[in-house]
Amino acid sequence: MSEPINLFEYETLASQSLSPMARDYYASGAWDETTLRDNRAAYERYKLRPRVLVDVSQRDLSAEVMGQQLSLPILVAPMAFQCFATPEGEVATAKAVAALGTAMVLSTMSTQSLETVAQTPCKRWFQLYVHRDRALTKDLVQRAESAGYSALCVTVDSPVLGCRERDERNEFILPPGLSLANLTTMELPAVAQQSGLLAYFIQEIDPSLTWKDLEWLQSITHLPIAVKGILRGDDALRAAEFGASAAIVSNHGGRQLDGAIATIDALGEVVEVAGGKIDILLDGGIRRGTDVLKAIALGAKAVLVGRPILWGLAVNGEWGARRVLELLRNELDVAMALSGCATIADIDMSLVKPTH
């Protein structure tokens, strides 16, 4: 195949170059993978209603999220173990993000340390799993702040790990040479007939996390906090009441609770109930520029893209990840022009019509 011209072609090529364990880890969803599939299919349930005879000769894709200026409303979602895809891993992603002028969210479970990634010029947030060891958690937060991360992204949909049967079958473990770069005293245990990541979550991640813990996090950092894993309007409103600056509508890429609502279907209620008190972002299933357009029309400030970045890394490292972002940017640019939108602010709810 020649150079991919869309994200689906990147997926096909990546599946051929990744090891079976890495491919299944990146691709898998929970249980029957119903939510994984629906995250993608749901976009087809929203149809576009373009405006015509609008001057779109000059277009501006820049966006403001949590007070931060980005070149486009597309961020890179937090994803663990990116060195599975390419040796530079998260550093390659950071370089690609810097080239596009947007931001990435670095995972707690990254295979390059947060300090190493901070040596690149990219705009960056830090994704946090709250561990049972609160001293370790506090240390992660303070390291991120010291290293110039501009926001904290707290994942709240994972009191336990979703059941990913592909990982269980593969007895998922990090290969030799890869480690939890931010957690140097820890490792994924090798467990017969079980995912090592599942075993890690059982041992280390705090399932007692509540809204009150947002207050504790605010007491140990000056960074704005985004709460990732919101699927209900009342939870978005609660996030605002407890001091969060943003809520990310997310079902963890279909990897946690199978049967959960698709994120684009959850977005409208979340935006309506939040009532502008908090910035709303969305991830899950973004594969085309029209998907980004639909999410923004339904009230999202920006979207986060996950798996396609991993596909780009697997195919061509930094340049593959960069090309994935460029393709999405170019598709969004065309979709805006054809919808009669010269700026992100021109995208509103009148552009979409649900068909369900």
Protein backbone atom coordinates (compact mmCIF):
# COMPACT_ATOMS: atom_id res chain seq x y z
CA MET A 1 0.00 0.00 0.00
CA SER A 2 1.25 3.53 -0.78
CA GLU A 3 1.20 6.22 1.91
CA PRO A 4 -2.13 6.08 3.74
CA ILE A 5 -4.63 8.77 2.83
CA ASN A 6 -7.01 8.25 5.76
CA LEU A 7 -6.98 6.89 9.29
CA PHE A 8 -8.57 3.58 8.32
CA GLU A 9 -5.63 2.81 6.03
CA TYR A 10 -3.27 3.57 8.91
CA GLU A 11 -5.18 1.04 11.01
CA THR A 12 -4.75 -1.65 8.34
CA LEU A 13 -1.02 -1.05 8.01
CA ALA A 14 -0.47 -0.85 11.77
CA SER A 15 -2.15 -4.21 12.33
CA GLN A 16 0.44 -5.75 10.03
CA SER A 17 3.45 -4.28 11.85
CA LEU A 18 2.49 -4.59 15.53
CA SER A 19 3.13 -7.72 17.55
CA PRO A 20 -0.05 -9.70 18.31
CA MET A 21 0.10 -8.70 22.00
CA ALA A 22 0.56 -5.00 21.18
CA ARG A 23 -2.11 -5.08 18.46
CA ASP A 24 -4.65 -6.67 20.77
CA TYR A 25 -3.79 -4.34 23.65
CA TYR A 26 -4.28 -1.23 21.54
CA ALA A 27 -7.39 -2.50 19.73
CA SER A 28 -9.31 -4.30 22.44
CA GLY A 29 -12.47 -3.27 24.22
CA ALA A 30 -14.21 -4.77 27.23
CA TRP A 31 -16.19 -8.03 27.07
CA ASP A 32 -18.16 -8.23 23.78
CA GLU A 33 -16.71 -4.89 22.59
CA THR A 34 -20.21 -3.51 21.95
CA THR A 35 -19.33 -0.03 23.21
CA LEU A 36 -16.06 -0.10 21.28
CA ARG A 37 -17.98 -0.61 18.03
CA ASP A 38 -20.77 1.81 18.93
CA ASN A 39 -18.36 4.66 19.63
CA ARG A 40 -17.62 4.61 15.91
CA ALA A 41 -21.06 3.71 14.57
CA ALA A 42 -22.78 6.44 16.58
CA TYR A 43 -21.36 9.22 14.41
CA GLU A 44 -23.40 7.93 11.49
CA ARG A 45 -26.57 8.64 13.47
CA TYR A 46 -25.90 12.39 13.21
CA LYS A 47 -26.36 14.05 9.84
CA LEU A 48 -24.94 17.41 8.79
CA ARG A 49 -27.07 20.39 7.69
CA PRO A 50 -24.60 22.68 5.87
CA ARG A 51 -25.07 26.38 5.35
CA VAL A 52 -24.39 27.81 1.87
CA LEU A 53 -23.33 31.17 0.42
CA VAL A 54 -21.05 31.92 3.36
CA ASP A 55 -17.61 33.46 2.84
CA VAL A 56 -15.23 30.66 3.88
CA SER A 57 -12.25 31.86 1.84
CA GLN A 58 -10.25 32.30 5.05
CA ARG A 59 -10.61 29.68 7.76
CA ASP A 60 -9.31 29.58 11.32
CA LEU A 61 -9.26 26.24 13.16
CA SER A 62 -7.77 27.57 16.41
CA ALA A 63 -9.57 26.83 19.68
CA GLU A 64 -9.35 27.73 23.35
CA VAL A 65 -9.60 24.93 25.90
CA MET A 66 -9.35 25.57 29.65
CA GLY A 67 -7.95 29.00 28.81
CA GLN A 68 -5.19 27.52 26.63
CA GLN A 69 -4.83 28.43 22.96
CA LEU A 70 -4.48 25.51 20.53
CA SER A 71 -4.00 25.54 16.77
CA LEU A 72 -6.91 23.14 16.33
CA PRO A 73 -9.59 21.53 18.51
CA ILE A 74 -7.93 18.11 18.41
CA LEU A 75 -5.74 16.86 21.26
CA VAL A 76 -3.98 13.53 21.68
CA ALA A 77 -5.65 11.37 24.30
CA PRO A 78 -3.68 9.67 27.09
CA MET A 79 -2.56 6.21 26.00
CA ALA A 80 -0.29 3.82 27.85
CA PHE A 81 2.73 1.96 26.52
CA GLN A 82 3.38 3.86 23.30
CA CYS A 83 6.87 2.35 23.00
CA PHE A 84 5.01 -0.81 21.97
CA ALA A 85 4.38 1.01 18.66
CA THR A 86 7.74 2.71 18.06
CA PRO A 87 10.98 2.96 20.09
CA GLU A 88 10.57 6.69 20.80
CA GLY A 89 6.99 6.11 21.99
CA GLU A 90 5.52 9.10 23.77
CA VAL A 91 8.45 11.31 22.72
CA ALA A 92 7.58 10.72 19.06
CA THR A 93 3.97 11.65 19.82
CA ALA A 94 5.09 14.82 21.60
CA LYS A 95 7.19 15.88 18.60
CA ALA A 96 4.26 15.29 16.26
CA VAL A 97 1.95 17.28 18.52
CA ALA A 98 4.43 20.16 18.72
CA ALA A 99 4.60 20.31 14.93
CA LEU A 100 0.81 20.75 14.74
CA GLY A 101 0.60 23.29 17.57
CA THR A 102 -1.93 21.37 19.65
CA ALA A 103 -1.58 19.45 22.95
CA MET A 104 -1.13 15.89 24.18
CA VAL A 105 -2.18 14.22 27.41
CA LEU A 106 0.58 11.98 28.78
CA SER A 107 -0.51 8.79 30.53
CA THR A 108 0.58 7.86 34.03
CA MET A 109 1.36 4.48 32.43
CA SER A 110 3.69 5.91 29.79
CA THR A 111 6.85 4.14 28.65
CA GLN A 112 8.76 7.44 28.48
CA SER A 113 8.97 9.46 31.68
CA LEU A 114 7.02 12.68 32.07
CA GLU A 115 10.33 14.55 32.45
CA THR A 116 11.68 13.08 29.20
CA VAL A 117 8.55 14.05 27.30
CA ALA A 118 8.79 17.55 28.82
CA GLN A 119 12.07 18.08 26.96
CA THR A 120 10.03 18.44 23.76
CA PRO A 121 8.33 21.79 23.03
CA CYS A 122 4.81 20.37 22.88
CA LYS A 123 1.92 21.63 24.97
CA ARG A 124 1.12 18.89 27.45
CA TRP A 125 -1.29 17.78 30.13
CA PHE A 126 -0.71 14.91 32.55
CA GLN A 127 -3.23 12.09 32.98
CA LEU A 128 -3.42 10.80 36.54
CA TYR A 129 -4.49 7.47 37.96
CA VAL A 130 -4.97 7.93 41.69
CA HIS A 131 -3.06 5.15 43.44
CA ARG A 132 -3.73 3.64 46.83
CA ASP A 133 -0.39 5.16 47.81
CA ARG A 134 -1.36 8.81 48.06
CA ALA A 135 2.25 9.90 48.62
CA LEU A 136 3.12 8.38 45.24
CA THR A 137 0.10 10.10 43.69
CA LYS A 138 1.10 13.46 45.17
CA ASP A 139 4.63 12.98 43.87
CA LEU A 140 3.33 12.34 40.31
CA VAL A 141 1.24 15.52 40.44
CA GLN A 142 4.09 17.65 41.72
CA ARG A 143 6.53 16.19 39.19
CA ALA A 144 4.11 17.06 36.38
CA GLU A 145 3.69 20.61 37.64
CA SER A 146 7.45 21.06 38.02
CA ALA A 147 8.00 19.71 34.48
CA GLY A 148 5.72 22.32 32.91
CA TYR A 149 2.54 20.35 32.31
CA SER A 150 -0.32 22.81 32.02
CA ALA A 151 -3.27 20.73 33.23
CA LEU A 152 -4.08 17.61 35.20
CA CYS A 153 -6.42 15.05 33.61
CA VAL A 154 -7.85 12.74 36.28
CA THR A 155 -9.31 9.46 35.02
CA VAL A 156 -12.40 8.63 37.08
CA ASP A 157 -13.97 5.69 35.21
CA SER A 158 -11.50 3.07 36.39
CA PRO A 159 -12.01 2.10 40.04
CA VAL A 160 -11.28 -1.35 38.65
CA LEU A 161 -10.04 -2.32 35.21
CA GLY A 162 -12.54 -3.39 32.58
CA CYS A 163 -12.42 -7.02 31.48
CA ARG A 164 -10.48 -7.08 28.20
CA GLU A 165 -10.55 -10.67 27.10
CA ARG A 166 -7.91 -10.29 24.41
CA ASP A 167 -5.39 -9.18 27.05
CA GLU A 168 -6.44 -12.02 29.33
CA ARG A 169 -5.93 -14.55 26.56
CA ASN A 170 -2.51 -13.08 25.75
CA GLU A 171 -1.50 -12.86 29.43
CA PHE A 172 -0.57 -9.26 28.70
CA ILE A 173 2.79 -8.09 30.03
CA LEU A 174 5.34 -5.50 28.97
CA PRO A 175 8.13 -7.00 26.87
CA PRO A 176 11.78 -6.83 27.99
CA GLY A 177 13.16 -3.32 27.69
CA LEU A 178 9.87 -1.53 28.39
CA SER A 179 8.80 -0.33 31.83
CA LEU A 180 6.45 2.01 33.68
CA ALA A 181 8.71 5.02 33.20
CA ASN A 182 6.86 7.23 35.71
CA LEU A 183 6.63 4.47 38.30
CA THR A 184 10.15 3.11 38.47
CA THR A 185 9.58 1.13 41.67
CA MET A 186 6.66 -0.78 40.12
CA GLU A 187 6.12 -3.26 37.33
CA LEU A 188 3.29 -5.18 35.72
CA PRO A 189 3.23 -8.63 37.32
CA ALA A 190 3.21 -11.72 35.14
CA VAL A 191 0.11 -13.71 36.09
CA ALA A 192 -1.01 -16.97 34.47
CA GLN A 193 -4.28 -16.64 32.52
CA GLN A 194 -4.61 -12.95 33.41
CA SER A 195 -3.59 -9.55 32.11
CA GLY A 196 -0.65 -8.06 33.98
CA LEU A 197 -2.35 -4.67 33.76
CA LEU A 198 -5.45 -6.06 35.46
CA ALA A 199 -3.28 -7.43 38.27
CA TYR A 200 -1.56 -4.05 38.60
CA PHE A 201 -4.89 -2.22 38.95
CA ILE A 202 -6.08 -4.65 41.62
CA GLN A 203 -2.89 -4.08 43.63
CA GLU A 204 -2.23 -0.37 43.12
CA ILE A 205 -5.19 1.73 41.91
CA ASP A 206 -7.51 3.21 44.54
CA PRO A 207 -11.14 2.04 44.07
CA SER A 208 -12.37 4.28 46.91
CA LEU A 209 -11.93 7.51 44.94
CA THR A 210 -14.82 9.98 45.38
CA TRP A 211 -15.68 13.56 44.46
CA LYS A 212 -14.11 14.73 47.72
CA ASP A 213 -10.74 13.61 46.39
CA LEU A 214 -10.93 16.36 43.77
CA GLU A 215 -10.64 18.81 46.64
CA TRP A 216 -7.53 16.99 47.87
CA LEU A 217 -5.99 17.14 44.40
CA GLN A 218 -6.66 20.88 44.18
CA SER A 219 -4.94 21.32 47.52
CA ILE A 220 -1.68 19.86 46.17
CA THR A 221 -1.52 21.57 42.75
CA HIS A 222 -2.16 24.87 41.03
CA LEU A 223 -2.93 23.13 37.72
CA PRO A 224 -6.47 23.20 36.29
CA ILE A 225 -8.13 19.81 36.50
CA ALA A 226 -10.05 17.98 33.79
CA VAL A 227 -12.16 14.99 34.87
CA LYS A 228 -12.04 12.19 32.31
CA GLY A 229 -14.72 9.51 32.13
CA ILE A 230 -17.98 11.49 32.33
CA LEU A 231 -21.08 10.08 30.58
CA ARG A 232 -23.90 11.83 32.51
CA GLY A 233 -24.98 15.42 32.82
CA ASP A 234 -25.28 15.29 36.60
CA ASP A 235 -21.70 14.07 36.90
CA ALA A 236 -20.45 16.93 34.70
CA LEU A 237 -22.31 19.41 36.90
CA ARG A 238 -20.83 17.78 40.00
CA ALA A 239 -17.36 18.05 38.50
CA ALA A 240 -17.89 21.79 38.09
CA GLU A 241 -19.20 22.11 41.64
CA PHE A 242 -16.09 20.38 42.97
CA GLY A 243 -13.79 22.76 41.14
CA ALA A 244 -12.87 20.99 37.92
CA SER A 245 -12.18 23.18 34.90
CA ALA A 246 -13.21 20.62 32.29
CA ALA A 247 -15.05 17.34 31.87
CA ILE A 248 -14.08 14.82 29.22
CA VAL A 249 -16.98 12.78 27.89
CA SER A 250 -15.34 9.37 27.64
CA ASN A 251 -16.06 5.67 28.03
CA HIS A 252 -12.34 4.85 27.95
CA GLY A 253 -12.50 3.88 24.30
CA GLY A 254 -14.96 1.10 25.10
CA ARG A 255 -12.38 -0.54 27.37
CA GLN A 256 -14.15 -0.28 30.73
CA LEU A 257 -17.92 -0.92 31.00
CA ASP A 258 -19.19 -2.71 27.92
CA GLY A 259 -22.71 -1.61 27.05
CA ALA A 260 -22.02 1.97 28.13
CA ILE A 261 -23.44 4.74 25.96
CA ALA A 262 -21.40 5.95 22.96
CA THR A 263 -19.68 9.22 23.79
CA ILE A 264 -21.23 11.27 20.99
CA ASP A 265 -24.67 10.10 22.20
CA ALA A 266 -23.84 11.19 25.76
CA LEU A 267 -22.47 14.58 24.74
CA GLY A 268 -25.73 16.52 24.32
CA GLU A 269 -27.01 15.82 27.83
CA VAL A 270 -23.63 16.57 29.38
CA VAL A 271 -23.38 19.93 27.61
CA GLU A 272 -26.96 20.88 28.46
CA VAL A 273 -26.77 20.04 32.17
CA ALA A 274 -23.29 21.52 32.62
CA GLY A 275 -24.74 24.79 31.32
CA GLY A 276 -21.43 26.38 30.41
CA LYS A 277 -20.04 26.07 33.94
CA ILE A 278 -17.21 23.85 32.71
CA ASP A 279 -15.47 23.13 29.40
CA ILE A 280 -16.67 19.90 27.79
CA LEU A 281 -14.38 17.72 25.68
CA LEU A 282 -15.00 14.34 24.07
CA ASP A 283 -13.06 11.26 23.02
CA GLY A 284 -13.99 7.93 21.46
CA GLY A 285 -14.37 6.89 17.83
CA ILE A 286 -12.97 10.00 16.12
CA ARG A 287 -11.81 8.90 12.67
CA ARG A 288 -12.81 11.72 10.30
CA GLY A 289 -12.84 15.51 10.29
CA THR A 290 -16.64 15.34 10.08
CA ASP A 291 -16.63 13.51 13.43
CA VAL A 292 -14.79 16.45 14.97
CA LEU A 293 -17.26 18.87 13.37
CA LYS A 294 -20.24 16.95 14.77
CA ALA A 295 -18.76 16.84 18.28
CA ILE A 296 -18.10 20.59 18.30
CA ALA A 297 -21.57 21.28 16.91
CA LEU A 298 -23.04 19.31 19.81
CA GLY A 299 -21.13 21.45 22.31
CA ALA A 300 -17.64 20.00 22.76
CA LYS A 301 -14.81 22.52 22.99
CA ALA A 302 -12.42 19.97 21.48
CA VAL A 303 -11.93 16.26 20.96
CA LEU A 304 -9.19 13.83 21.93
CA VAL A 305 -7.89 11.22 19.50
CA GLY A 306 -6.39 7.95 20.70
CA ARG A 307 -5.93 4.77 18.71
CA PRO A 308 -5.23 6.49 15.34
CA ILE A 309 -2.12 8.08 16.86
CA LEU A 310 -0.89 4.62 17.84
CA TRP A 311 -1.49 3.42 14.29
CA GLY A 312 0.53 6.33 12.95
CA LEU A 313 3.36 5.56 15.39
CA ALA A 314 3.36 1.90 14.37
CA VAL A 315 3.50 2.71 10.66
CA ASN A 316 6.07 5.52 10.66
CA GLY A 317 6.94 6.73 14.16
CA GLU A 318 6.80 10.47 14.73
CA TRP A 319 6.00 11.16 11.08
CA GLY A 320 3.13 8.70 11.10
CA ALA A 321 1.58 10.30 14.17
CA ARG A 322 2.08 13.73 12.63
CA ARG A 323 0.43 12.62 9.40
CA VAL A 324 -2.60 11.27 11.29
CA LEU A 325 -3.07 14.67 12.93
CA GLU A 326 -2.57 16.43 9.60
CA LEU A 327 -5.20 14.27 7.93
CA LEU A 328 -7.73 15.08 10.66
CA ARG A 329 -6.88 18.77 10.50
CA ASN A 330 -7.24 18.86 6.72
CA GLU A 331 -10.52 16.94 6.80
CA LEU A 332 -11.91 19.28 9.48
CA ASP A 333 -10.85 22.27 7.40
CA VAL A 334 -12.72 20.95 4.34
CA ALA A 335 -15.77 19.95 6.42
CA MET A 336 -15.95 23.44 7.93
CA ALA A 337 -15.76 25.08 4.52
CA LEU A 338 -18.47 22.84 3.09
CA SER A 339 -20.67 23.51 6.14
CA GLY A 340 -20.38 27.28 5.91
CA CYS A 341 -18.08 27.72 8.92
CA ALA A 342 -15.02 29.97 8.76
CA THR A 343 -14.11 29.60 12.44
CA ILE A 344 -14.69 27.12 15.24
CA ALA A 345 -17.11 29.62 16.79
CA ASP A 346 -19.31 29.32 13.68
CA ILE A 347 -19.95 25.63 14.40
CA ASP A 348 -23.23 25.30 16.30
CA MET A 349 -26.00 22.84 17.01
CA SER A 350 -28.00 23.86 13.95
CA LEU A 351 -25.47 22.00 11.79
CA VAL A 352 -26.41 18.54 13.06
CA LYS A 353 -29.59 16.51 13.04
CA PRO A 354 -29.81 13.23 14.98
CA THR A 355 -31.59 10.41 13.16
CA HIS A 356 -32.45 8.30 16.20
